[in-house]
Amino acid sequence: MEVEAAAAAAFINVAIENMIKVSKELSPIFGLHKNAAKLSGNLETVQNVLKDIEMQTIPIGGAVKHWLKELGTKVLVADNSVDELKYHLLKETYSFKLPTNQAKVLTYFSSNEKGALIINEINDGLESFKNEANKIGLGKVPTLSQTDSLSADGVLVGRDEDMLKLAELLITSTSEGRVFSVLAIQGKAGVGRTMFARKLFNHESIKAQFGELRIWVDVGIAFEPIDLLKKILATFTCDQVESRDDILKRLQQAIKGKACLLVLDSVCVEDVPRWNEFVNWIKEVTSMKGNIIIITTKNRKVADMVSPVHIHPLNVLSGDECWSIIKSIAFGNSDVPSGFETTGRKIAPICGGCPSAANLVGGMLCGKSQERWELIAGLKDEWECMLDIYGLRLENLSQSSMKTCFAYCSIFPYDFKIVKEELIELWMAEGFLQPNEGDDMESTGEMLLNELVQNLMLQAERDENGNVESFVMHHSMHDLASYILLGSRNGEDGLLPVRYMMIRQESSPIQKQVAKHLRTLFLEGEISDKMLVDYTSLRNLRLARAKEVDW
């Protein structure tokens, strides 16, 4: 379990989210429905693996890090290719007059065949990474059933009694004459909702009741009924089905009049009409009584929205329970060495009663010296801030987006005044902000900034009227953000190529291999003619000494 692996997975996930969105936008225009649908499916499959890495619920070894490094490089190149296709569409729409050399590049994307070629190349690469993931033990990539991918859980203690009660409740509900009974598992960020739901999902009595008709769906930040139906169908078949009626027909054939268990993990959007629409569609699939839907959410309003037969609140763990998790992860079945337990019990309260944080701490302390343990125990404030990175959940943004936006701020120097509007525009250009329907990017960016301020990751600077005009990031947070951004310490090569950089006048020239991956470049020194010719992936460019640039 390594921080750099989780950070790399987060950055890759953000790039994948952008690719999924763009491919869906372009598929009807370029006539790439089948290709784009396959691409979205492959990307979402890889995301399932990345989520386990990001949440640090599986062991991270050298093979996994190598897989991440290779995947990250390929995904960044693919993301650029998909963006090229979108740029070509904008060029055709607005009839931009481009220099001859750029026009030649865009001519490459002028036909549907070329667009299909790009998508197919990306798909072939993703198939290779899916196969490699299986070989190195990253969990089985789901084909006919997603249940196989749910075996890699963290350590969970203090929930046995709750687990038994809920399993009995679910079994009882199947015989009460309802077509669907809904259970909501609700608790704050980091309290282990997903972990608890997975244990319940794999409980022996639940397996005996529902067998293979146990379906797990990661909902994410959006709640589109048609997308949820597609994800449910994907647990039974790899075939791409687009229309609602066809999806419902295929689901009817798959279920065949049997009762099923459906888990909707991480429902975060309170939207009663969409929820009712989804439930009505599901009821068209089966009239069989005894079906169960479990949702996990941090939002009590969302829990109330689904009209559950029971809302189960997950409470925080005690310090002793957190220590039990830490020592289990750090030492396995071995005895705790003399002196470590006293220090470990001092560290346990830092977890704030959150099992996900305890799993994280245990993994990071595994194999470390007693001196290292004592150092962590003495740096509670800074350590708590680091744990917030993994425990914090934003209302309308994924954890991946939050991490990337926070880490991005480290390209500014210590105590640099970061202007609010400029920062949001930079995030927008990078594709970090994915607003929900009805929201715009600016408001999404402001919501995210508010969360970062509330969680002490950024400090707001206000004008004389009390309005926030800029932000600063102090030393401890800057160090943490830099580590997440680079994925390594002490200037060593990280898992992903460096993509964001500030170049000062005295800096050495950037090598072509580095330049081609840069997406943000702040240049304080003089700029020479044709200096930027190697920077083919730039989204943001800021020049301290502006001049006409020869590309």
Protein backbone atom coordinates (compact mmCIF):
# COMPACT_ATOMS: atom_id res chain seq x y z
CA MET A 1 0.00 0.00 0.00
CA GLU A 2 1.85 3.08 -1.23
CA VAL A 3 0.77 6.70 -1.44
CA GLU A 4 2.39 7.22 -4.83
CA ALA A 5 0.45 4.33 -6.36
CA ALA A 6 -2.85 5.67 -5.04
CA ALA A 7 -1.99 9.15 -6.36
CA ALA A 8 -1.06 7.80 -9.79
CA ALA A 9 -4.33 5.86 -9.94
CA ALA A 10 -6.24 9.06 -9.12
CA PHE A 11 -4.58 11.01 -11.94
CA ILE A 12 -5.16 8.21 -14.44
CA ASN A 13 -8.80 8.04 -13.36
CA VAL A 14 -9.30 11.74 -14.10
CA ALA A 15 -7.84 11.29 -17.59
CA ILE A 16 -10.11 8.29 -18.14
CA GLU A 17 -13.18 10.27 -17.04
CA ASN A 18 -12.30 12.88 -19.66
CA MET A 19 -11.85 10.23 -22.34
CA ILE A 20 -15.20 8.61 -21.55
CA LYS A 21 -16.96 11.96 -21.73
CA VAL A 22 -15.29 13.05 -24.98
CA SER A 23 -15.77 9.68 -26.71
CA LYS A 24 -19.51 9.79 -25.94
CA GLU A 25 -19.70 13.32 -27.35
CA LEU A 26 -17.87 12.41 -30.53
CA SER A 27 -19.36 9.00 -31.31
CA PRO A 28 -22.56 10.27 -33.01
CA ILE A 29 -20.63 12.88 -34.98
CA PHE A 30 -17.88 10.65 -36.30
CA GLY A 31 -20.14 7.61 -36.66
CA LEU A 32 -18.18 5.70 -34.03
CA HIS A 33 -21.06 4.37 -31.90
CA LYS A 34 -19.76 0.80 -31.65
CA ASN A 35 -16.11 1.80 -31.27
CA ALA A 36 -16.83 4.46 -28.65
CA ALA A 37 -19.15 2.16 -26.70
CA LYS A 38 -16.42 -0.47 -26.53
CA LEU A 39 -13.92 2.22 -25.50
CA SER A 40 -16.17 3.41 -22.66
CA GLY A 41 -16.62 -0.17 -21.47
CA ASN A 42 -12.88 -0.87 -21.50
CA LEU A 43 -12.11 2.40 -19.73
CA GLU A 44 -14.68 1.71 -17.01
CA THR A 45 -13.26 -1.79 -16.53
CA VAL A 46 -9.76 -0.39 -16.02
CA GLN A 47 -11.26 2.20 -13.64
CA ASN A 48 -12.57 -0.60 -11.42
CA VAL A 49 -9.00 -1.84 -10.97
CA LEU A 50 -7.71 1.68 -10.43
CA LYS A 51 -10.32 2.34 -7.77
CA ASP A 52 -9.01 -0.53 -5.66
CA ILE A 53 -5.48 0.84 -6.02
CA GLU A 54 -6.57 4.40 -5.23
CA MET A 55 -8.53 3.33 -2.15
CA GLN A 56 -5.55 1.15 -1.16
CA THR A 57 -7.67 -1.95 -0.57
CA ILE A 58 -5.12 -4.23 -2.25
CA PRO A 59 -1.38 -4.80 -1.73
CA ILE A 60 0.89 -2.69 -3.94
CA GLY A 61 4.07 -4.37 -5.12
CA GLY A 62 6.64 -3.73 -7.81
CA ALA A 63 4.58 -5.42 -10.53
CA VAL A 64 1.56 -3.24 -9.77
CA LYS A 65 3.67 -0.08 -9.85
CA HIS A 66 5.16 -1.11 -13.21
CA TRP A 67 1.64 -1.75 -14.53
CA LEU A 68 0.53 1.68 -13.32
CA LYS A 69 3.53 3.41 -14.87
CA GLU A 70 2.98 1.80 -18.26
CA LEU A 71 -0.78 2.38 -18.12
CA GLY A 72 -0.39 6.03 -17.11
CA THR A 73 1.89 6.83 -20.04
CA LYS A 74 -0.44 5.12 -22.52
CA VAL A 75 -3.56 6.76 -21.11
CA LEU A 76 -2.00 10.23 -21.33
CA VAL A 77 -1.12 9.68 -24.97
CA ALA A 78 -4.61 8.33 -25.66
CA ASP A 79 -6.19 11.28 -23.84
CA ASN A 80 -4.29 13.64 -26.12
CA SER A 81 -5.48 11.74 -29.20
CA VAL A 82 -9.12 11.91 -28.12
CA ASP A 83 -8.72 15.63 -27.43
CA GLU A 84 -7.29 16.06 -30.95
CA LEU A 85 -10.49 14.57 -32.33
CA LYS A 86 -12.58 16.98 -30.28
CA TYR A 87 -10.41 19.89 -31.38
CA HIS A 88 -10.96 18.91 -34.98
CA LEU A 89 -14.71 19.03 -34.38
CA LEU A 90 -14.44 22.52 -32.88
CA LYS A 91 -12.30 23.63 -35.81
CA GLU A 92 -14.92 22.43 -38.28
CA THR A 93 -17.73 23.99 -36.24
CA TYR A 94 -16.19 27.43 -35.87
CA SER A 95 -14.15 27.46 -39.09
CA PHE A 96 -10.89 28.44 -37.45
CA LYS A 97 -8.18 29.59 -39.83
CA LEU A 98 -5.11 27.67 -38.76
CA PRO A 99 -1.47 27.85 -39.81
CA THR A 100 -0.54 25.41 -42.52
CA ASN A 101 1.35 23.01 -40.24
CA GLN A 102 -1.58 22.70 -37.82
CA ALA A 103 -4.02 22.27 -40.67
CA LYS A 104 -1.93 19.35 -41.91
CA VAL A 105 -2.14 17.71 -38.50
CA LEU A 106 -5.90 18.06 -38.35
CA THR A 107 -6.31 16.69 -41.85
CA TYR A 108 -5.21 13.38 -40.35
CA PHE A 109 -8.42 13.29 -38.34
CA SER A 110 -10.69 14.41 -41.16
CA SER A 111 -12.30 11.04 -41.90
CA ASN A 112 -14.36 8.61 -39.87
CA GLU A 113 -11.90 5.86 -40.73
CA LYS A 114 -9.04 7.70 -39.07
CA GLY A 115 -11.17 8.40 -36.00
CA ALA A 116 -12.08 4.72 -35.78
CA LEU A 117 -8.40 3.81 -36.15
CA ILE A 118 -7.46 5.95 -33.16
CA ILE A 119 -10.25 4.51 -31.00
CA ASN A 120 -9.35 0.95 -32.03
CA GLU A 121 -5.70 1.49 -31.15
CA ILE A 122 -6.69 2.72 -27.70
CA ASN A 123 -9.03 -0.26 -27.24
CA ASP A 124 -6.30 -2.72 -28.20
CA GLY A 125 -3.97 -1.15 -25.65
CA LEU A 126 -6.60 -1.31 -22.90
CA GLU A 127 -7.28 -4.99 -23.63
CA SER A 128 -3.59 -5.65 -23.08
CA PHE A 129 -3.60 -3.84 -19.73
CA LYS A 130 -6.74 -5.72 -18.62
CA ASN A 131 -5.05 -9.03 -19.34
CA GLU A 132 -1.87 -7.95 -17.55
CA ALA A 133 -3.94 -6.88 -14.52
CA ASN A 134 -5.20 -10.43 -14.17
CA LYS A 135 -1.71 -11.88 -14.44
CA ILE A 136 -0.28 -9.75 -11.62
CA GLY A 137 -3.17 -10.38 -9.24
CA LEU A 138 -5.10 -7.12 -9.47
CA GLY A 139 -8.35 -9.03 -9.25
CA LYS A 140 -10.28 -10.64 -12.05
CA VAL A 141 -11.51 -8.19 -14.66
CA PRO A 142 -15.31 -8.63 -14.77
CA THR A 143 -16.76 -10.36 -17.79
CA LEU A 144 -19.89 -12.31 -16.90
CA SER A 145 -20.03 -11.20 -13.28
CA GLN A 146 -18.58 -8.35 -11.31
CA THR A 147 -18.70 -10.29 -8.06
CA ASP A 148 -15.24 -11.71 -8.70
CA SER A 149 -13.67 -8.26 -8.49
CA LEU A 150 -14.93 -7.71 -4.97
CA SER A 151 -12.70 -10.11 -3.08
CA ALA A 152 -9.91 -7.64 -2.32
CA ASP A 153 -11.15 -6.02 0.90
CA GLY A 154 -9.38 -4.19 3.64
CA VAL A 155 -9.41 -5.26 7.27
CA LEU A 156 -12.67 -4.43 9.01
CA VAL A 157 -13.29 -4.85 12.73
CA GLY A 158 -16.04 -3.89 15.15
CA ARG A 159 -18.85 -4.55 12.65
CA ASP A 160 -19.61 -8.24 13.23
CA GLU A 161 -22.81 -7.67 15.21
CA ASP A 162 -24.09 -5.13 12.70
CA MET A 163 -23.22 -7.47 9.84
CA LEU A 164 -25.19 -10.35 11.36
CA LYS A 165 -28.25 -8.16 12.05
CA LEU A 166 -28.32 -6.74 8.53
CA ALA A 167 -27.86 -10.14 6.90
CA GLU A 168 -30.84 -11.43 8.91
CA LEU A 169 -32.85 -8.32 8.02
CA LEU A 170 -32.19 -8.80 4.31
CA ILE A 171 -33.16 -12.47 4.40
CA THR A 172 -36.35 -11.61 6.30
CA SER A 173 -37.21 -8.83 3.81
CA THR A 174 -37.17 -11.29 0.92
CA SER A 175 -40.22 -13.04 2.35
CA GLU A 176 -42.34 -9.98 3.13
CA GLY A 177 -44.12 -9.80 -0.23
CA ARG A 178 -42.38 -6.77 -1.75
CA VAL A 179 -40.91 -6.85 -5.24
CA PHE A 180 -38.00 -4.67 -4.07
CA SER A 181 -36.83 -3.84 -0.56
CA VAL A 182 -34.23 -1.09 -0.20
CA LEU A 183 -31.55 -0.88 2.48
CA ALA A 184 -29.42 2.25 2.90
CA ILE A 185 -25.96 2.18 4.49
CA GLN A 186 -25.06 5.72 5.48
CA GLY A 187 -22.00 7.20 7.13
CA LYS A 188 -19.39 9.91 6.88
CA ALA A 189 -16.40 9.84 4.55
CA GLY A 190 -13.82 7.22 5.47
CA VAL A 191 -16.07 5.29 7.85
CA GLY A 192 -15.96 2.24 5.58
CA ARG A 193 -19.34 2.18 3.80
CA THR A 194 -18.04 0.39 0.72
CA MET A 195 -15.91 -2.00 2.76
CA PHE A 196 -18.88 -2.87 4.98
CA ALA A 197 -21.21 -3.32 2.00
CA ARG A 198 -18.70 -5.65 0.32
CA LYS A 199 -18.50 -7.81 3.42
CA LEU A 200 -22.31 -7.96 3.50
CA PHE A 201 -22.40 -8.67 -0.23
CA ASN A 202 -20.11 -11.68 0.30
CA HIS A 203 -21.77 -12.89 3.54
CA GLU A 204 -22.45 -16.62 3.38
CA SER A 205 -26.17 -16.29 4.05
CA ILE A 206 -26.51 -13.66 1.32
CA LYS A 207 -24.59 -15.85 -1.13
CA ALA A 208 -26.87 -18.77 -0.28
CA GLN A 209 -29.98 -16.64 -0.83
CA PHE A 210 -29.05 -14.96 -4.12
CA GLY A 211 -26.25 -17.08 -5.56
CA GLU A 212 -24.83 -15.57 -8.75
CA LEU A 213 -27.57 -12.96 -8.96
CA ARG A 214 -25.63 -10.56 -6.79
CA ILE A 215 -24.80 -7.42 -8.76
CA TRP A 216 -22.42 -4.65 -7.71
CA VAL A 217 -22.46 -1.24 -9.44
CA ASP A 218 -20.18 1.72 -8.67
CA VAL A 219 -22.50 4.68 -9.21
CA GLY A 220 -19.98 7.53 -9.12
CA ILE A 221 -20.73 11.24 -9.24
CA ALA A 222 -23.53 11.01 -11.81
CA PHE A 223 -26.88 9.27 -11.49
CA GLU A 224 -28.18 8.56 -14.97
CA PRO A 225 -30.76 5.71 -14.99
CA ILE A 226 -29.75 4.52 -18.47
CA ASP A 227 -26.06 4.37 -17.48
CA LEU A 228 -26.92 2.34 -14.37
CA LEU A 229 -28.91 -0.11 -16.48
CA LYS A 230 -25.91 -0.52 -18.80
CA LYS A 231 -23.62 -1.22 -15.84
CA ILE A 232 -26.05 -3.80 -14.49
CA LEU A 233 -26.26 -5.51 -17.88
CA ALA A 234 -22.45 -5.48 -18.13
CA THR A 235 -22.33 -7.96 -15.23
CA PHE A 236 -24.04 -10.53 -17.47
CA THR A 237 -22.64 -9.85 -20.94
CA CYS A 238 -19.89 -7.97 -22.76
CA ASP A 239 -22.27 -7.09 -25.61
CA GLN A 240 -22.90 -3.38 -26.09
CA VAL A 241 -26.63 -2.55 -25.92
CA GLU A 242 -27.76 1.07 -26.21
CA SER A 243 -31.57 1.39 -26.13
CA ARG A 244 -33.51 1.20 -22.88
CA ASP A 245 -35.97 -1.39 -24.22
CA ASP A 246 -33.19 -3.67 -25.46
CA ILE A 247 -31.35 -3.40 -22.14
CA LEU A 248 -34.49 -4.28 -20.16
CA LYS A 249 -35.19 -7.22 -22.47
CA ARG A 250 -31.66 -8.59 -22.02
CA LEU A 251 -31.90 -8.16 -18.24
CA GLN A 252 -35.19 -10.04 -18.17
CA GLN A 253 -33.52 -12.91 -20.02
CA ALA A 254 -30.54 -12.87 -17.62
CA ILE A 255 -32.57 -12.85 -14.41
CA LYS A 256 -35.21 -15.34 -15.62
CA GLY A 257 -37.70 -14.80 -12.85
CA LYS A 258 -35.26 -15.12 -9.97
CA ALA A 259 -34.78 -12.71 -7.08
CA CYS A 260 -31.56 -10.69 -7.14
CA LEU A 261 -29.45 -8.47 -4.93
CA LEU A 262 -28.31 -5.14 -6.40
CA VAL A 263 -25.75 -2.94 -4.63
CA LEU A 264 -25.47 0.69 -5.76
CA ASP A 265 -22.23 1.92 -4.20
CA SER A 266 -21.53 5.62 -3.51
CA VAL A 267 -24.82 7.27 -4.45
CA CYS A 268 -24.15 10.96 -3.89
CA VAL A 269 -26.78 12.83 -5.92
CA GLU A 270 -30.13 13.64 -4.36
CA ASP A 271 -32.46 13.43 -7.37
CA VAL A 272 -35.90 11.99 -6.61
CA PRO A 273 -37.25 12.02 -10.21
CA ARG A 274 -34.23 10.10 -11.53
CA TRP A 275 -34.35 7.63 -8.68
CA ASN A 276 -38.06 6.98 -9.28
CA GLU A 277 -37.37 6.58 -13.00
CA PHE A 278 -34.65 4.05 -12.30
CA VAL A 279 -36.85 2.06 -9.88
CA ASN A 280 -39.74 2.01 -12.37
CA TRP A 281 -37.42 0.70 -15.07
CA ILE A 282 -36.04 -2.00 -12.77
CA LYS A 283 -39.58 -3.10 -11.94
CA GLU A 284 -40.11 -3.75 -15.64
CA VAL A 285 -37.33 -6.33 -15.50
CA THR A 286 -38.96 -8.59 -12.92
CA SER A 287 -42.19 -8.96 -10.98
CA MET A 288 -40.59 -11.62 -8.81
CA LYS A 289 -40.88 -10.84 -5.11
CA GLY A 290 -37.91 -10.78 -2.75
CA ASN A 291 -35.43 -8.56 -4.62
CA ILE A 292 -33.09 -6.38 -2.55
CA ILE A 293 -31.39 -3.05 -3.40
CA ILE A 294 -28.61 -1.80 -1.12
CA ILE A 295 -27.28 1.72 -1.52
CA THR A 296 -24.27 3.26 0.21
CA THR A 297 -24.11 7.02 0.71
CA LYS A 298 -22.62 9.64 2.99
CA ASN A 299 -25.68 11.88 2.57
CA ARG A 300 -28.67 11.31 4.87
CA LYS A 301 -30.96 13.07 2.36
CA VAL A 302 -29.96 10.55 -0.29
CA ALA A 303 -30.67 7.72 2.15
CA ASP A 304 -34.16 9.13 2.80
CA MET A 305 -34.74 9.63 -0.95
CA VAL A 306 -34.73 5.88 -1.70
CA SER A 307 -37.52 5.15 0.84
CA PRO A 308 -35.62 2.31 2.49
CA VAL A 309 -37.05 -0.30 4.84
CA HIS A 310 -34.03 0.45 7.01
CA ILE A 311 -31.24 3.04 7.18
CA HIS A 312 -28.14 1.64 8.83
CA PRO A 313 -25.82 4.36 10.16
CA LEU A 314 -22.16 3.37 10.28
CA ASN A 315 -20.52 4.85 13.33
CA VAL A 316 -16.82 5.52 13.84
CA LEU A 317 -14.60 2.89 15.43
CA SER A 318 -12.96 3.10 18.83
CA GLY A 319 -9.24 3.70 19.24
CA ASP A 320 -8.75 0.04 20.20
CA GLU A 321 -10.54 -1.08 17.03
CA CYS A 322 -8.40 1.22 14.88
CA TRP A 323 -5.27 -0.18 16.53
CA SER A 324 -6.50 -3.70 15.81
CA ILE A 325 -6.68 -2.84 12.10
CA ILE A 326 -3.29 -1.13 12.08
CA LYS A 327 -1.46 -4.03 13.70
CA SER A 328 -3.25 -6.57 11.51
CA ILE A 329 -2.10 -4.73 8.36
CA ALA A 330 1.39 -3.92 9.65
CA PHE A 331 2.25 -7.29 11.26
CA GLY A 332 -0.25 -9.82 9.89
CA ASN A 333 -0.45 -12.87 12.14
CA SER A 334 2.94 -12.17 13.72
CA ASP A 335 3.33 -10.92 17.27
CA VAL A 336 3.71 -7.17 17.69
CA PRO A 337 7.37 -6.46 18.58
CA SER A 338 8.13 -4.99 21.97
CA GLY A 339 7.62 -1.21 22.08
CA PHE A 340 5.52 -0.96 18.93
CA GLU A 341 2.15 -1.40 20.63
CA THR A 342 2.56 1.60 22.92
CA THR A 343 3.46 3.80 19.95
CA GLY A 344 0.76 2.25 17.77
CA ARG A 345 -1.93 3.03 20.31
CA LYS A 346 -0.80 6.67 20.22
CA ILE A 347 -1.14 6.67 16.42
CA ALA A 348 -4.58 4.98 16.36
CA PRO A 349 -6.59 8.07 17.43
CA ILE A 350 -5.20 9.94 14.41
CA CYS A 351 -7.44 7.74 12.25
CA GLY A 352 -10.51 9.48 13.63
CA GLY A 353 -12.38 6.20 13.98
CA CYS A 354 -12.27 5.58 10.21
CA PRO A 355 -11.36 2.03 9.14
CA SER A 356 -10.16 3.22 5.71
CA ALA A 357 -7.69 5.54 7.45
CA ALA A 358 -6.57 2.74 9.78
CA ASN A 359 -5.98 0.45 6.80
CA LEU A 360 -3.97 3.24 5.15
CA VAL A 361 -1.84 3.87 8.25
CA GLY A 362 -1.21 0.18 8.78
CA GLY A 363 -0.02 -0.21 5.21
CA MET A 364 2.28 2.78 5.35
CA LEU A 365 3.83 1.64 8.65
CA CYS A 366 4.33 -1.95 7.51
CA GLY A 367 8.04 -2.79 7.67
CA LYS A 368 8.99 0.61 9.12
CA SER A 369 11.29 1.01 12.10
CA GLN A 370 10.11 1.88 15.60
CA GLU A 371 11.76 5.28 15.18
CA ARG A 372 9.53 5.89 12.15
CA TRP A 373 6.46 4.91 14.14
CA GLU A 374 7.45 7.31 16.91
CA LEU A 375 8.02 10.08 14.37
CA ILE A 376 4.49 9.62 12.99
CA ALA A 377 3.03 9.57 16.50
CA GLY A 378 4.70 12.94 17.16
CA LEU A 379 3.44 14.61 13.95
CA LYS A 380 -0.27 14.28 14.47
CA ASP A 381 -1.38 17.56 12.88
CA GLU A 382 0.48 17.02 9.61
CA TRP A 383 -0.46 13.36 9.54
CA GLU A 384 -4.15 14.14 9.99
CA CYS A 385 -3.99 16.45 6.99
CA MET A 386 -2.52 13.65 4.94
CA LEU A 387 -5.25 11.27 6.01
CA ASP A 388 -7.84 13.85 4.97
CA ILE A 389 -6.69 13.33 1.39
CA TYR A 390 -8.04 9.78 1.60
CA GLY A 391 -11.02 10.36 3.86
CA LEU A 392 -12.46 13.48 2.28
CA ARG A 393 -15.35 13.12 -0.14
CA LEU A 394 -16.75 16.11 -2.02
CA GLU A 395 -20.47 16.45 -2.64
CA ASN A 396 -20.25 16.60 -6.43
CA LEU A 397 -16.69 15.58 -7.22
CA SER A 398 -14.94 12.23 -7.10
CA GLN A 399 -11.99 11.66 -4.79
CA SER A 400 -9.78 11.47 -7.86
CA SER A 401 -10.74 14.97 -8.99
CA MET A 402 -10.22 16.37 -5.51
CA LYS A 403 -6.74 14.90 -5.29
CA THR A 404 -5.68 16.16 -8.69
CA CYS A 405 -6.97 19.69 -8.12
CA PHE A 406 -5.28 19.88 -4.72
CA ALA A 407 -1.99 18.44 -6.00
CA TYR A 408 -2.01 20.77 -9.01
CA CYS A 409 -1.71 23.77 -6.67
CA SER A 410 1.82 22.67 -5.74
CA ILE A 411 3.21 24.04 -9.03
CA PHE A 412 2.93 27.44 -7.36
CA PRO A 413 5.70 28.36 -4.86
CA TYR A 414 5.22 28.34 -1.09
CA ASP A 415 2.79 31.04 0.13
CA PHE A 416 2.12 32.18 -3.47
CA LYS A 417 -1.19 34.05 -3.77
CA ILE A 418 -3.24 31.92 -6.16
CA VAL A 419 -6.04 34.02 -7.68
CA LYS A 420 -9.36 32.18 -7.42
CA GLU A 421 -10.63 32.81 -10.96
CA GLU A 422 -7.29 31.93 -12.52
CA LEU A 423 -7.02 28.67 -10.56
CA ILE A 424 -10.49 27.55 -11.63
CA GLU A 425 -9.66 28.37 -15.25
CA LEU A 426 -6.48 26.30 -15.02
CA TRP A 427 -8.43 23.36 -13.61
CA MET A 428 -10.98 23.73 -16.39
CA ALA A 429 -8.30 23.69 -19.07
CA GLU A 430 -6.87 20.50 -17.60
CA GLY A 431 -10.26 18.76 -17.64
CA PHE A 432 -10.30 18.28 -13.86
CA LEU A 433 -13.81 19.65 -13.36
CA GLN A 434 -16.74 17.45 -14.39
CA PRO A 435 -19.92 19.30 -13.33
CA ASN A 436 -23.23 17.58 -12.77
CA GLU A 437 -26.15 18.39 -15.01
CA GLY A 438 -27.38 21.90 -14.29
CA ASP A 439 -24.03 23.08 -12.88
CA ASP A 440 -21.26 24.91 -14.70
CA MET A 441 -17.53 24.42 -14.29
CA GLU A 442 -17.04 27.69 -12.43
CA SER A 443 -19.54 26.81 -9.70
CA THR A 444 -18.12 23.28 -9.46
CA GLY A 445 -14.64 24.77 -9.05
CA GLU A 446 -15.86 27.10 -6.31
CA MET A 447 -17.50 24.22 -4.43
CA LEU A 448 -14.26 22.29 -4.58
CA LEU A 449 -12.26 25.28 -3.35
CA ASN A 450 -14.62 25.69 -0.42
CA GLU A 451 -14.04 22.05 0.57
CA LEU A 452 -10.27 22.45 0.36
CA VAL A 453 -10.43 25.53 2.58
CA GLN A 454 -12.70 23.81 5.11
CA ASN A 455 -10.30 20.90 5.31
CA LEU A 456 -7.24 23.15 5.81
CA MET A 457 -5.63 22.26 2.49
CA LEU A 458 -5.80 25.84 1.22
CA GLN A 459 -6.09 29.09 3.15
CA ALA A 460 -8.38 31.75 1.76
CA GLU A 461 -7.17 35.37 1.42
CA ARG A 462 -9.99 37.94 1.56
CA ASP A 463 -10.32 41.53 0.39
CA GLU A 464 -11.44 44.41 2.60
CA ASN A 465 -15.08 43.48 2.01
CA GLY A 466 -14.56 39.90 3.13
CA ASN A 467 -14.74 38.37 -0.35
CA VAL A 468 -12.32 35.54 -1.18
CA GLU A 469 -9.94 36.70 -3.89
CA SER A 470 -7.00 34.31 -3.60
CA PHE A 471 -5.59 31.27 -1.81
CA VAL A 472 -2.26 30.26 -0.33
CA MET A 473 -0.85 26.83 0.42
CA HIS A 474 1.46 26.65 3.39
CA HIS A 475 4.58 24.53 3.70
CA SER A 476 3.20 21.28 5.10
CA MET A 477 0.33 21.17 2.60
CA HIS A 478 2.64 22.20 -0.23
CA ASP A 479 4.99 19.31 0.59
CA LEU A 480 2.09 16.88 0.61
CA ALA A 481 0.63 18.22 -2.63
CA SER A 482 4.02 18.07 -4.33
CA TYR A 483 4.43 14.46 -3.28
CA ILE A 484 1.03 13.53 -4.69
CA LEU A 485 1.73 15.43 -7.91
CA LEU A 486 5.14 13.89 -8.52
CA GLY A 487 4.39 10.45 -7.10
CA SER A 488 7.88 10.24 -5.62
CA ARG A 489 10.23 11.75 -3.09
CA ASN A 490 13.68 13.29 -3.46
CA GLY A 491 13.33 14.01 -7.17
CA GLU A 492 13.23 10.32 -8.14
CA ASP A 493 11.29 9.26 -11.21
CA GLY A 494 7.61 8.97 -10.36
CA LEU A 495 5.02 6.54 -11.65
CA LEU A 496 3.68 9.09 -14.14
CA PRO A 497 5.42 11.56 -16.47
CA VAL A 498 5.72 15.11 -15.10
CA ARG A 499 2.88 17.12 -16.62
CA TYR A 500 2.86 20.43 -14.72
CA MET A 501 5.93 22.61 -14.33
CA MET A 502 7.21 26.08 -13.50
CA ILE A 503 10.52 26.92 -15.25
CA ARG A 504 12.67 29.67 -13.82
CA GLN A 505 15.27 31.60 -15.77
CA GLU A 506 18.16 29.62 -14.39
CA SER A 507 16.57 26.23 -15.06
CA SER A 508 18.23 23.75 -17.37
CA PRO A 509 16.62 23.13 -20.77
CA ILE A 510 13.78 20.64 -20.70
CA GLN A 511 14.42 17.40 -22.54
CA LYS A 512 12.11 16.51 -25.44
CA GLN A 513 10.93 13.36 -23.66
CA VAL A 514 9.74 15.49 -20.71
CA ALA A 515 8.44 18.40 -22.82
CA LYS A 516 6.05 16.27 -24.84
CA HIS A 517 4.07 15.31 -21.72
CA LEU A 518 3.80 18.79 -20.17
CA ARG A 519 0.25 20.12 -20.00
CA THR A 520 0.87 23.23 -17.88
CA LEU A 521 3.96 25.40 -18.26
CA PHE A 522 4.72 28.56 -16.29
CA LEU A 523 7.80 30.18 -17.80
CA GLU A 524 9.45 33.01 -15.88
CA GLY A 525 12.59 33.43 -17.96
CA GLU A 526 13.20 34.55 -21.53
CA ILE A 527 11.64 32.50 -24.28
CA SER A 528 13.52 31.76 -27.47
CA ASP A 529 12.16 31.16 -30.95
CA LYS A 530 10.86 27.64 -31.51
CA MET A 531 11.46 26.82 -27.84
CA LEU A 532 7.93 25.46 -27.52
CA VAL A 533 7.93 23.23 -30.57
CA ASP A 534 8.43 20.13 -28.40
CA TYR A 535 5.55 20.98 -26.04
CA THR A 536 2.85 19.17 -27.99
CA SER A 537 0.46 18.49 -25.08
CA LEU A 538 0.15 21.98 -23.55
CA ARG A 539 -3.22 23.08 -22.18
CA ASN A 540 -1.98 26.00 -20.11
CA LEU A 541 0.89 28.34 -20.96
CA ARG A 542 1.86 31.37 -18.88
CA LEU A 543 4.76 33.59 -19.94
CA ALA A 544 6.28 36.14 -17.57
CA ARG A 545 7.94 37.97 -20.48
CA ALA A 546 5.51 37.82 -23.36
CA LYS A 547 6.65 38.02 -26.94
CA GLU A 548 5.54 36.74 -30.30
CA VAL A 549 6.22 33.02 -30.33
CA ASP A 550 7.27 31.12 -33.43
CA TRP A 551 5.67 27.63 -33.15
